[in-house]
């Protein structure tokens, strides 16, 4: 397996774990574990990008990657839940 695909698979797994954890951390009515995991995967990429832009380094290795992904997933999941809550409660 080449390093690029290995890196993508790694981030997908880490993002899935981070999404599941973020779903338990972020308060609110859930969308379910599947959506939390998908949001976690996207959040992992956002967390990595945002960390690089802001110059934040949360550690190295698997723990650092998980913290970065968790950070991004929590932010994205909170935003998604706020938007979802606004749509569900608003008038047609």
N, C-alpha and C. Protein backbone atom coordinates (compact mmCIF):
# COMPACT_ATOMS: atom_id res chain seq x y z
N UNK A 1 0.85 -1.17 0.00
CA UNK A 1 0.00 0.00 0.00
C UNK A 1 0.90 1.24 0.00
N UNK A 2 0.58 2.18 -0.87
CA UNK A 2 1.41 3.37 -0.94
C UNK A 2 1.09 4.32 0.21
N UNK A 3 2.04 5.21 0.56
CA UNK A 3 1.87 6.09 1.72
C UNK A 3 0.67 7.02 1.64
N UNK A 4 0.31 7.44 0.42
CA UNK A 4 -0.81 8.38 0.30
C UNK A 4 -2.12 7.70 0.69
N UNK A 5 -2.37 6.51 0.15
CA UNK A 5 -3.62 5.84 0.50
C UNK A 5 -3.61 5.40 1.96
N UNK A 6 -2.44 5.05 2.48
CA UNK A 6 -2.34 4.70 3.89
C UNK A 6 -2.70 5.90 4.75
N UNK A 7 -2.26 7.09 4.36
CA UNK A 7 -2.58 8.31 5.10
C UNK A 7 -4.07 8.61 5.08
N UNK A 8 -4.70 8.39 3.94
CA UNK A 8 -6.13 8.65 3.82
C UNK A 8 -6.91 7.66 4.68
N UNK A 9 -6.54 6.40 4.63
CA UNK A 9 -7.22 5.40 5.45
C UNK A 9 -7.04 5.72 6.93
N UNK A 10 -5.84 6.12 7.31
CA UNK A 10 -5.56 6.50 8.69
C UNK A 10 -6.48 7.63 9.12
N UNK A 11 -6.60 8.68 8.31
CA UNK A 11 -7.44 9.82 8.67
C UNK A 11 -8.92 9.44 8.69
N UNK A 12 -9.34 8.51 7.83
CA UNK A 12 -10.73 8.06 7.86
C UNK A 12 -11.03 7.32 9.17
N UNK A 13 -10.12 6.46 9.60
CA UNK A 13 -10.31 5.73 10.85
C UNK A 13 -10.27 6.68 12.04
N UNK A 14 -9.26 7.54 12.09
CA UNK A 14 -9.15 8.51 13.18
C UNK A 14 -10.36 9.44 13.19
N UNK A 15 -10.80 9.87 12.01
CA UNK A 15 -11.97 10.74 11.92
C UNK A 15 -13.23 10.06 12.40
N UNK A 16 -13.37 8.77 12.07
CA UNK A 16 -14.53 8.03 12.55
C UNK A 16 -14.56 7.92 14.06
N UNK A 17 -13.42 7.63 14.65
CA UNK A 17 -13.33 7.54 16.11
C UNK A 17 -13.61 8.91 16.73
N UNK A 18 -13.02 9.95 16.15
CA UNK A 18 -13.23 11.30 16.66
C UNK A 18 -14.70 11.71 16.55
N UNK A 19 -15.36 11.33 15.46
CA UNK A 19 -16.78 11.65 15.29
C UNK A 19 -17.64 10.97 16.32
N UNK A 20 -17.33 9.71 16.59
CA UNK A 20 -18.09 8.98 17.62
C UNK A 20 -17.89 9.63 18.99
N UNK A 21 -16.66 10.01 19.30
CA UNK A 21 -16.39 10.68 20.58
C UNK A 21 -17.06 12.06 20.63
N UNK A 22 -16.95 12.81 19.53
CA UNK A 22 -17.54 14.15 19.50
C UNK A 22 -19.05 14.09 19.65
N UNK A 23 -19.67 13.05 19.10
CA UNK A 23 -21.12 12.88 19.24
C UNK A 23 -21.54 12.71 20.69
N UNK A 24 -20.66 12.15 21.48
CA UNK A 24 -20.96 11.97 22.91
C UNK A 24 -20.64 13.24 23.70
N UNK A 25 -19.71 14.06 23.20
CA UNK A 25 -19.30 15.27 23.91
C UNK A 25 -20.25 16.43 23.63
N UNK A 26 -20.62 16.62 22.37
CA UNK A 26 -21.45 17.75 21.97
C UNK A 26 -22.89 17.47 22.40
N UNK A 27 -23.47 18.44 23.09
CA UNK A 27 -24.82 18.29 23.61
C UNK A 27 -25.84 18.53 22.51
N UNK A 28 -26.97 17.91 22.64
CA UNK A 28 -28.06 18.14 21.71
C UNK A 28 -28.62 16.84 21.18
N UNK A 29 -29.78 16.96 20.58
CA UNK A 29 -30.41 15.80 19.97
C UNK A 29 -29.54 15.29 18.84
N UNK A 30 -29.25 14.04 18.84
CA UNK A 30 -28.31 13.49 17.88
C UNK A 30 -28.92 13.20 16.53
N UNK A 31 -28.05 13.09 15.56
CA UNK A 31 -28.43 12.67 14.23
C UNK A 31 -28.16 11.17 14.09
N UNK A 32 -27.51 10.61 15.08
CA UNK A 32 -27.16 9.20 15.04
C UNK A 32 -25.66 9.01 14.87
N UNK A 33 -25.21 7.83 15.18
CA UNK A 33 -23.78 7.54 15.17
C UNK A 33 -23.19 7.62 13.76
N UNK A 34 -23.96 7.25 12.74
CA UNK A 34 -23.44 7.27 11.37
C UNK A 34 -23.13 8.69 10.93
N UNK A 35 -24.06 9.61 11.19
CA UNK A 35 -23.82 11.01 10.82
C UNK A 35 -22.70 11.59 11.67
N UNK A 36 -22.64 11.23 12.95
CA UNK A 36 -21.56 11.71 13.81
C UNK A 36 -20.20 11.25 13.27
N UNK A 37 -20.12 10.02 12.79
CA UNK A 37 -18.86 9.51 12.24
C UNK A 37 -18.51 10.23 10.95
N UNK A 38 -19.49 10.46 10.09
CA UNK A 38 -19.23 11.19 8.84
C UNK A 38 -18.77 12.61 9.15
N UNK A 39 -19.44 13.27 10.07
CA UNK A 39 -19.04 14.61 10.48
C UNK A 39 -17.64 14.57 11.09
N UNK A 40 -17.33 13.51 11.83
CA UNK A 40 -16.00 13.35 12.41
C UNK A 40 -14.92 13.22 11.36
N UNK A 41 -15.20 12.49 10.30
CA UNK A 41 -14.23 12.34 9.22
C UNK A 41 -13.97 13.68 8.56
N UNK A 42 -15.03 14.40 8.25
CA UNK A 42 -14.87 15.73 7.65
C UNK A 42 -14.19 16.66 8.66
N UNK A 43 -14.59 16.57 9.92
CA UNK A 43 -13.98 17.39 10.97
C UNK A 43 -12.51 17.10 11.15
N UNK A 44 -12.09 15.86 10.92
CA UNK A 44 -10.68 15.52 11.03
C UNK A 44 -9.86 16.29 10.00
N UNK A 45 -10.37 16.35 8.79
CA UNK A 45 -9.67 17.10 7.75
C UNK A 45 -9.69 18.60 8.06
N UNK A 46 -10.83 19.10 8.54
CA UNK A 46 -10.92 20.51 8.90
C UNK A 46 -10.00 20.83 10.07
N UNK A 47 -9.98 19.96 11.08
CA UNK A 47 -9.09 20.16 12.23
C UNK A 47 -7.63 20.18 11.83
N UNK A 48 -7.25 19.27 10.93
CA UNK A 48 -5.87 19.26 10.44
C UNK A 48 -5.53 20.52 9.67
N UNK A 49 -6.46 20.96 8.83
CA UNK A 49 -6.23 22.17 8.05
C UNK A 49 -6.18 23.40 8.96
N UNK A 50 -7.16 23.50 9.87
CA UNK A 50 -7.23 24.64 10.77
C UNK A 50 -6.02 24.71 11.69
N UNK A 51 -5.59 23.55 12.18
CA UNK A 51 -4.39 23.51 13.02
C UNK A 51 -3.16 24.02 12.29
N UNK A 52 -3.04 23.64 11.01
CA UNK A 52 -1.92 24.11 10.20
C UNK A 52 -1.98 25.61 9.95
N UNK A 53 -3.17 26.11 9.66
CA UNK A 53 -3.35 27.55 9.39
C UNK A 53 -3.06 28.37 10.64
N UNK A 54 -3.54 27.90 11.79
CA UNK A 54 -3.36 28.64 13.03
C UNK A 54 -2.03 28.35 13.72
N UNK A 55 -1.28 27.39 13.20
CA UNK A 55 0.00 27.04 13.80
C UNK A 55 -0.13 26.26 15.10
N UNK A 56 -1.28 25.58 15.29
CA UNK A 56 -1.49 24.78 16.50
C UNK A 56 -0.92 23.38 16.29
N UNK A 57 -0.26 22.88 17.30
CA UNK A 57 0.28 21.53 17.25
C UNK A 57 -0.16 20.81 18.51
N UNK A 58 -1.06 19.85 18.36
CA UNK A 58 -1.64 19.17 19.52
C UNK A 58 -0.90 17.89 19.88
N UNK A 59 0.26 17.70 19.34
CA UNK A 59 1.04 16.50 19.63
C UNK A 59 1.33 15.74 18.36
N UNK A 60 2.04 14.65 18.51
CA UNK A 60 2.38 13.85 17.35
C UNK A 60 1.88 12.43 17.54
N UNK A 61 1.91 11.67 16.49
CA UNK A 61 1.47 10.29 16.55
C UNK A 61 -0.03 10.16 16.55
N UNK A 62 -0.49 9.01 17.00
CA UNK A 62 -1.91 8.72 16.97
C UNK A 62 -2.69 9.62 17.93
N UNK A 63 -2.15 9.87 19.11
CA UNK A 63 -2.85 10.71 20.09
C UNK A 63 -3.00 12.14 19.57
N UNK A 64 -1.94 12.70 19.01
CA UNK A 64 -2.02 14.04 18.46
C UNK A 64 -3.00 14.12 17.30
N UNK A 65 -2.99 13.09 16.46
CA UNK A 65 -3.93 13.06 15.33
C UNK A 65 -5.36 12.95 15.83
N UNK A 66 -5.57 12.13 16.84
CA UNK A 66 -6.91 11.98 17.39
C UNK A 66 -7.39 13.28 18.03
N UNK A 67 -6.52 13.97 18.75
CA UNK A 67 -6.89 15.25 19.36
C UNK A 67 -7.22 16.29 18.29
N UNK A 68 -6.43 16.33 17.23
CA UNK A 68 -6.68 17.27 16.13
C UNK A 68 -8.02 16.96 15.47
N UNK A 69 -8.26 15.68 15.20
CA UNK A 69 -9.52 15.27 14.57
C UNK A 69 -10.70 15.54 15.49
N UNK A 70 -10.53 15.28 16.77
CA UNK A 70 -11.59 15.50 17.75
C UNK A 70 -11.94 16.98 17.83
N UNK A 71 -10.93 17.83 17.83
CA UNK A 71 -11.11 19.29 17.85
C UNK A 71 -11.96 19.72 16.65
N UNK A 72 -11.57 19.28 15.46
CA UNK A 72 -12.32 19.63 14.25
C UNK A 72 -13.72 19.06 14.25
N UNK A 73 -13.86 17.82 14.72
CA UNK A 73 -15.17 17.16 14.73
C UNK A 73 -16.12 17.84 15.71
N UNK A 74 -15.62 18.24 16.86
CA UNK A 74 -16.48 18.92 17.85
C UNK A 74 -16.98 20.23 17.29
N UNK A 75 -16.09 20.99 16.66
CA UNK A 75 -16.50 22.28 16.07
C UNK A 75 -17.55 22.05 14.98
N UNK A 76 -17.25 21.14 14.06
CA UNK A 76 -18.17 20.90 12.95
C UNK A 76 -19.49 20.31 13.43
N UNK A 77 -19.46 19.39 14.36
CA UNK A 77 -20.68 18.77 14.87
C UNK A 77 -21.54 19.79 15.61
N UNK A 78 -20.92 20.68 16.35
CA UNK A 78 -21.67 21.74 17.04
C UNK A 78 -22.37 22.65 16.02
N UNK A 79 -21.67 22.98 14.94
CA UNK A 79 -22.26 23.83 13.89
C UNK A 79 -23.41 23.10 13.21
N UNK A 80 -23.20 21.83 12.86
CA UNK A 80 -24.24 21.05 12.19
C UNK A 80 -25.48 20.91 13.08
N UNK A 81 -25.27 20.69 14.36
CA UNK A 81 -26.41 20.55 15.27
C UNK A 81 -27.14 21.88 15.46
N UNK A 82 -26.40 22.99 15.48
CA UNK A 82 -27.06 24.29 15.58
C UNK A 82 -27.91 24.57 14.35
N UNK A 83 -27.38 24.27 13.19
CA UNK A 83 -28.13 24.47 11.94
C UNK A 83 -29.34 23.54 11.90
N UNK A 84 -29.12 22.28 12.27
CA UNK A 84 -30.22 21.31 12.29
C UNK A 84 -31.31 21.68 13.27
N UNK A 85 -30.93 22.19 14.42
CA UNK A 85 -31.89 22.60 15.44
C UNK A 85 -32.67 23.81 14.95
N UNK A 86 -32.01 24.73 14.26
CA UNK A 86 -32.69 25.91 13.74
C UNK A 86 -33.71 25.56 12.68
N UNK A 87 -33.39 24.60 11.82
CA UNK A 87 -34.32 24.20 10.77
C UNK A 87 -35.51 23.43 11.34
N UNK A 88 -35.24 22.57 12.33
CA UNK A 88 -36.29 21.73 12.89
C UNK A 88 -37.32 22.56 13.67
N UNK A 89 -36.89 23.63 14.30
CA UNK A 89 -37.78 24.42 15.13
C UNK A 89 -38.40 25.60 14.43
N UNK A 90 -37.96 25.91 13.24
CA UNK A 90 -38.44 27.09 12.53
C UNK A 90 -39.75 26.85 11.80
N UNK A 91 -40.44 27.95 11.45
CA UNK A 91 -41.68 27.83 10.70
C UNK A 91 -41.43 27.40 9.27
N UNK A 92 -42.43 26.79 8.66
CA UNK A 92 -42.31 26.37 7.26
C UNK A 92 -42.44 27.53 6.41
